[in-house]
Amino acid sequence: MSKPVKVTHEGKAIEGTLVTFQALQPDSWLEYQLETGGIVRLKVIVTDVITTKEKTPTGDPLVVVKSALLVDFKEAGKTDAH
C-alpha cells in the first residue's frame, strides 16, 4: 500500500510516495576475493522505496532507496562451522 511521505534530496524537501516492494533474490550476496585469499561478502537490504515526481538531470524519474549494508569477511583457509 502506497503512502505519501516527505524526503530530503540534495538538501531540498520533496514529496514522494512510499511504495511496497518484494525482493526478487532475497538471499543474494556479492562476493569479492581479495589478493590475500580472504573473501568479502556484501548484501544490500532495502528498507524503503520512495517514488517522486522529480526528475534526474538526465530526465529519468527520481526514486529514493533507503537501505542497510551487511558485510561479512572470511579469512583465507577458514570454512564455515555449519
Protein backbone atom coordinates (compact mmCIF):
# COMPACT_ATOMS: atom_id res chain seq x y z
CA MET A 1 0.00 0.00 0.00
CA SER A 2 1.50 3.34 -1.01
CA LYS A 3 1.75 6.24 1.44
CA PRO A 4 2.65 9.93 0.89
CA VAL A 5 5.94 10.94 2.55
CA LYS A 6 8.45 13.80 2.53
CA VAL A 7 12.12 13.12 1.88
CA THR A 8 15.21 15.27 1.59
CA HIS A 9 17.20 15.01 -1.62
CA GLU A 10 20.26 17.19 -2.23
CA GLY A 11 19.22 19.47 0.63
CA LYS A 12 15.71 20.01 -0.70
CA ALA A 13 12.49 18.66 0.85
CA ILE A 14 10.41 16.87 -1.77
CA GLU A 15 7.17 14.93 -1.75
CA GLY A 16 7.16 11.28 -2.60
CA THR A 17 5.22 8.07 -2.27
CA LEU A 18 6.41 5.17 -0.11
CA VAL A 19 5.70 2.07 -2.20
CA THR A 20 5.68 -1.60 -1.28
CA PHE A 21 8.17 -3.93 -2.94
CA GLN A 22 9.36 -7.52 -2.95
CA ALA A 23 12.95 -8.74 -3.20
CA LEU A 24 13.33 -10.95 -6.27
CA GLN A 25 16.54 -12.52 -4.95
CA PRO A 26 16.35 -12.01 -1.16
CA ASP A 27 19.39 -14.11 -0.27
CA SER A 28 21.81 -12.69 -2.84
CA TRP A 29 25.31 -11.74 -1.69
CA LEU A 30 28.05 -10.06 -3.74
CA GLU A 31 31.36 -11.81 -3.12
CA TYR A 32 34.84 -10.40 -3.70
CA GLN A 33 38.04 -12.43 -3.39
CA LEU A 34 40.97 -10.45 -2.02
CA GLU A 35 44.56 -10.99 -3.15
CA THR A 36 45.20 -12.37 0.35
CA GLY A 37 42.72 -15.17 -0.34
CA GLY A 38 40.08 -13.76 2.01
CA ILE A 39 36.54 -13.17 0.82
CA VAL A 40 34.45 -10.07 1.46
CA ARG A 41 30.71 -10.59 1.08
CA LEU A 42 28.17 -7.75 0.80
CA LYS A 43 24.40 -7.79 0.95
CA VAL A 44 22.15 -4.77 0.49
CA ILE A 45 18.90 -4.80 2.47
CA VAL A 46 16.40 -2.33 1.01
CA THR A 47 14.15 -0.90 3.72
CA ASP A 48 12.15 1.75 1.82
CA VAL A 49 11.48 2.70 -1.79
CA ILE A 50 10.06 6.16 -2.43
CA THR A 51 8.93 7.32 -5.86
CA THR A 52 8.80 11.04 -6.64
CA LYS A 53 7.63 13.33 -9.41
CA GLU A 54 11.12 14.84 -9.55
CA LYS A 55 13.50 14.07 -12.43
CA THR A 56 17.23 13.38 -12.50
CA PRO A 57 19.49 15.63 -14.62
CA THR A 58 19.11 13.08 -17.45
CA GLY A 59 15.31 13.19 -17.24
CA ASP A 60 14.76 9.86 -15.51
CA PRO A 61 12.31 9.62 -12.60
CA LEU A 62 13.94 10.19 -9.20
CA VAL A 63 13.49 7.16 -6.93
CA VAL A 64 14.82 7.31 -3.36
CA VAL A 65 16.00 3.99 -1.90
CA LYS A 66 16.81 3.59 1.79
CA SER A 67 18.98 0.61 2.65
CA ALA A 68 21.35 -1.12 5.03
CA LEU A 69 24.59 -2.86 4.08
CA LEU A 70 25.63 -6.17 5.63
CA VAL A 71 29.33 -7.03 5.44
CA ASP A 72 30.83 -10.47 6.04
CA PHE A 73 34.52 -11.40 5.89
CA LYS A 74 36.13 -14.81 5.72
CA GLU A 75 39.87 -15.24 6.13
CA ALA A 76 41.73 -17.40 3.65
CA GLY A 77 41.66 -21.07 4.59
CA LYS A 78 38.75 -20.75 7.07
CA THR A 79 35.48 -22.56 6.49
CA ASP A 80 32.00 -22.19 7.93
CA ALA A 81 31.27 -24.18 11.09
CA HIS A 82 27.87 -25.30 9.71
